[in-house]
N, C-alpha and C. Protein backbone atom coordinates (compact mmCIF):
# COMPACT_ATOMS: atom_id res chain seq x y z
N MET A 1 30.29 -42.83 59.54
CA MET A 1 29.91 -41.48 59.23
C MET A 1 30.65 -40.56 60.19
N HIS A 2 31.20 -39.47 59.65
CA HIS A 2 31.93 -38.50 60.45
C HIS A 2 31.14 -37.20 60.55
N TYR A 3 31.05 -36.67 61.75
CA TYR A 3 30.43 -35.37 61.97
C TYR A 3 31.52 -34.40 62.40
N SER A 4 31.77 -33.39 61.59
CA SER A 4 32.83 -32.45 61.88
C SER A 4 32.52 -31.12 61.23
N ILE A 5 33.04 -30.05 61.82
CA ILE A 5 32.88 -28.74 61.19
C ILE A 5 33.98 -28.51 60.16
N LEU A 6 35.01 -29.34 60.19
CA LEU A 6 36.10 -29.23 59.24
C LEU A 6 35.92 -30.26 58.11
N PRO A 7 36.31 -29.90 56.90
CA PRO A 7 36.20 -30.88 55.82
C PRO A 7 37.19 -32.03 56.03
N ILE A 8 36.78 -33.20 55.64
CA ILE A 8 37.63 -34.38 55.76
C ILE A 8 38.36 -34.55 54.44
N ASN A 9 39.67 -34.42 54.48
CA ASN A 9 40.50 -34.58 53.27
C ASN A 9 41.31 -35.85 53.40
N ILE A 10 41.04 -36.78 52.54
CA ILE A 10 41.79 -38.03 52.53
C ILE A 10 42.68 -38.02 51.29
N GLU A 11 43.98 -38.05 51.53
CA GLU A 11 44.93 -38.06 50.42
C GLU A 11 45.02 -39.46 49.84
N GLU A 12 44.76 -39.58 48.56
CA GLU A 12 44.87 -40.86 47.89
C GLU A 12 46.07 -40.82 46.96
N ALA A 13 46.84 -41.87 47.01
CA ALA A 13 48.02 -41.96 46.14
C ALA A 13 47.56 -42.20 44.70
N GLU A 14 48.19 -41.53 43.78
CA GLU A 14 47.88 -41.71 42.36
C GLU A 14 48.48 -43.04 41.89
N PRO A 15 47.70 -43.87 41.21
CA PRO A 15 48.24 -45.16 40.76
C PRO A 15 49.33 -44.95 39.71
N LYS A 16 50.33 -45.82 39.74
CA LYS A 16 51.44 -45.75 38.79
C LYS A 16 51.26 -46.86 37.77
N TYR A 17 50.98 -46.45 36.52
CA TYR A 17 50.79 -47.40 35.44
C TYR A 17 52.09 -47.56 34.66
N VAL A 18 52.33 -48.76 34.18
CA VAL A 18 53.51 -49.04 33.38
C VAL A 18 53.12 -49.99 32.26
N GLU A 19 53.67 -49.74 31.09
CA GLU A 19 53.42 -50.64 29.95
C GLU A 19 54.59 -51.61 29.88
N MET A 20 54.27 -52.90 29.74
CA MET A 20 55.32 -53.92 29.72
C MET A 20 54.91 -55.11 28.86
N GLU A 21 55.88 -55.96 28.62
CA GLU A 21 55.62 -57.20 27.89
C GLU A 21 55.66 -58.34 28.90
N TYR A 22 54.58 -59.12 28.93
CA TYR A 22 54.45 -60.21 29.89
C TYR A 22 53.96 -61.43 29.13
N LYS A 23 54.71 -62.51 29.17
CA LYS A 23 54.40 -63.74 28.43
C LYS A 23 54.23 -63.46 26.94
N GLY A 24 55.00 -62.50 26.41
CA GLY A 24 54.94 -62.18 25.00
C GLY A 24 53.79 -61.30 24.59
N VAL A 25 53.05 -60.75 25.55
CA VAL A 25 51.88 -59.90 25.27
C VAL A 25 52.13 -58.52 25.88
N ASN A 26 51.84 -57.46 25.12
CA ASN A 26 51.95 -56.11 25.67
C ASN A 26 50.75 -55.84 26.57
N ILE A 27 51.04 -55.39 27.79
CA ILE A 27 49.99 -55.12 28.76
C ILE A 27 50.27 -53.78 29.43
N VAL A 28 49.23 -53.24 30.09
CA VAL A 28 49.38 -52.09 30.97
C VAL A 28 49.12 -52.63 32.37
N ALA A 29 50.06 -52.37 33.28
CA ALA A 29 49.95 -52.87 34.65
C ALA A 29 50.00 -51.70 35.62
N VAL A 30 49.48 -51.93 36.80
CA VAL A 30 49.50 -50.93 37.86
C VAL A 30 50.31 -51.51 39.02
N MET A 31 51.14 -50.65 39.64
CA MET A 31 51.96 -51.08 40.76
C MET A 31 51.14 -51.03 42.04
N THR A 32 51.09 -52.15 42.77
CA THR A 32 50.40 -52.23 44.06
C THR A 32 51.41 -52.67 45.11
N GLU A 33 50.95 -52.77 46.37
CA GLU A 33 51.87 -53.23 47.41
C GLU A 33 52.25 -54.70 47.25
N ASN A 34 51.47 -55.46 46.49
CA ASN A 34 51.76 -56.87 46.25
C ASN A 34 52.58 -57.10 44.99
N GLY A 35 52.83 -56.06 44.22
CA GLY A 35 53.56 -56.18 42.95
C GLY A 35 52.73 -55.59 41.83
N TYR A 36 53.05 -55.96 40.61
CA TYR A 36 52.31 -55.46 39.45
C TYR A 36 51.03 -56.27 39.27
N GLN A 37 49.95 -55.57 38.90
CA GLN A 37 48.69 -56.23 38.55
C GLN A 37 48.29 -55.80 37.15
N ILE A 38 47.74 -56.73 36.38
CA ILE A 38 47.31 -56.43 35.02
C ILE A 38 46.11 -55.49 35.07
N GLU A 39 46.21 -54.42 34.30
CA GLU A 39 45.12 -53.45 34.18
C GLU A 39 44.42 -53.60 32.82
N ARG A 40 45.22 -53.82 31.76
CA ARG A 40 44.65 -53.87 30.40
C ARG A 40 45.58 -54.64 29.48
N LEU A 41 45.01 -55.34 28.51
CA LEU A 41 45.78 -56.02 27.47
C LEU A 41 45.80 -55.17 26.22
N ASN A 42 46.96 -55.10 25.56
CA ASN A 42 47.08 -54.44 24.26
C ASN A 42 47.44 -55.51 23.24
N SER A 43 46.44 -56.20 22.75
CA SER A 43 46.68 -57.33 21.86
C SER A 43 45.57 -57.41 20.82
N ALA A 44 45.94 -57.84 19.63
CA ALA A 44 44.97 -58.08 18.58
C ALA A 44 44.62 -59.57 18.47
N ASP A 45 45.30 -60.40 19.24
CA ASP A 45 45.07 -61.85 19.23
C ASP A 45 44.00 -62.20 20.26
N TYR A 46 42.86 -62.70 19.82
CA TYR A 46 41.76 -62.99 20.72
C TYR A 46 42.08 -64.09 21.71
N THR A 47 43.03 -64.96 21.41
CA THR A 47 43.36 -66.05 22.34
C THR A 47 44.01 -65.50 23.62
N ASN A 48 44.66 -64.34 23.53
CA ASN A 48 45.24 -63.74 24.74
C ASN A 48 44.16 -63.33 25.73
N PHE A 49 43.00 -62.92 25.23
CA PHE A 49 41.91 -62.50 26.10
C PHE A 49 41.22 -63.71 26.75
N MET A 50 41.41 -64.90 26.19
CA MET A 50 40.82 -66.12 26.75
C MET A 50 41.74 -66.76 27.78
N ASP A 51 43.00 -66.34 27.83
CA ASP A 51 43.97 -66.91 28.76
C ASP A 51 43.70 -66.39 30.17
N GLU A 52 43.41 -67.30 31.11
CA GLU A 52 43.06 -66.90 32.47
C GLU A 52 44.23 -66.26 33.21
N SER A 53 45.46 -66.54 32.80
CA SER A 53 46.61 -65.94 33.48
C SER A 53 46.82 -64.50 33.05
N LEU A 54 46.09 -64.02 32.05
CA LEU A 54 46.20 -62.64 31.57
C LEU A 54 44.95 -61.81 31.88
N MET A 55 44.14 -62.29 32.82
CA MET A 55 42.92 -61.56 33.17
C MET A 55 43.26 -60.30 33.97
N PRO A 56 42.55 -59.19 33.77
CA PRO A 56 42.78 -57.99 34.57
C PRO A 56 42.62 -58.28 36.06
N GLY A 57 43.53 -57.73 36.86
CA GLY A 57 43.53 -57.97 38.29
C GLY A 57 44.49 -59.06 38.73
N THR A 58 45.06 -59.79 37.77
CA THR A 58 46.00 -60.86 38.08
C THR A 58 47.34 -60.26 38.50
N THR A 59 47.90 -60.75 39.59
CA THR A 59 49.23 -60.32 40.03
C THR A 59 50.28 -61.04 39.19
N LEU A 60 51.24 -60.27 38.70
CA LEU A 60 52.24 -60.82 37.79
C LEU A 60 53.39 -61.48 38.54
N GLU A 61 53.95 -62.51 37.91
CA GLU A 61 55.17 -63.14 38.42
C GLU A 61 56.35 -62.39 37.83
N ASN A 62 57.24 -61.91 38.68
CA ASN A 62 58.36 -61.09 38.22
C ASN A 62 59.26 -61.82 37.22
N SER A 63 59.39 -63.12 37.34
CA SER A 63 60.27 -63.86 36.45
C SER A 63 59.74 -63.93 35.02
N LEU A 64 58.45 -63.67 34.83
CA LEU A 64 57.86 -63.75 33.49
C LEU A 64 57.75 -62.40 32.79
N ILE A 65 58.14 -61.31 33.46
CA ILE A 65 58.12 -60.00 32.84
C ILE A 65 59.32 -59.90 31.92
N ASN A 66 59.06 -59.74 30.62
CA ASN A 66 60.14 -59.70 29.64
C ASN A 66 60.85 -58.35 29.62
N ARG A 67 60.09 -57.27 29.51
CA ARG A 67 60.70 -55.95 29.49
C ARG A 67 59.65 -54.90 29.79
N ILE A 68 60.11 -53.79 30.33
CA ILE A 68 59.23 -52.66 30.62
C ILE A 68 59.41 -51.65 29.51
N ILE A 69 58.32 -51.25 28.87
CA ILE A 69 58.34 -50.32 27.75
C ILE A 69 58.20 -48.92 28.30
N GLN A 70 59.13 -48.04 27.94
CA GLN A 70 59.09 -46.68 28.47
C GLN A 70 58.56 -45.70 27.48
């Protein structure tokens, strides 16, 4: 807890989201200091949601990123 007469302003960096294809699935990822992490899947195939390697929060392997969609 901070006691101050001045307001405490903490600058937070805005997350950078990118849409890409990973393992043949379109995903939305966020850039972190460790690399890209899965934020959301854009898929109509229910088996992609059951794949543990495509769970949100998973850090991506750069060699498996097919392309970045702009």
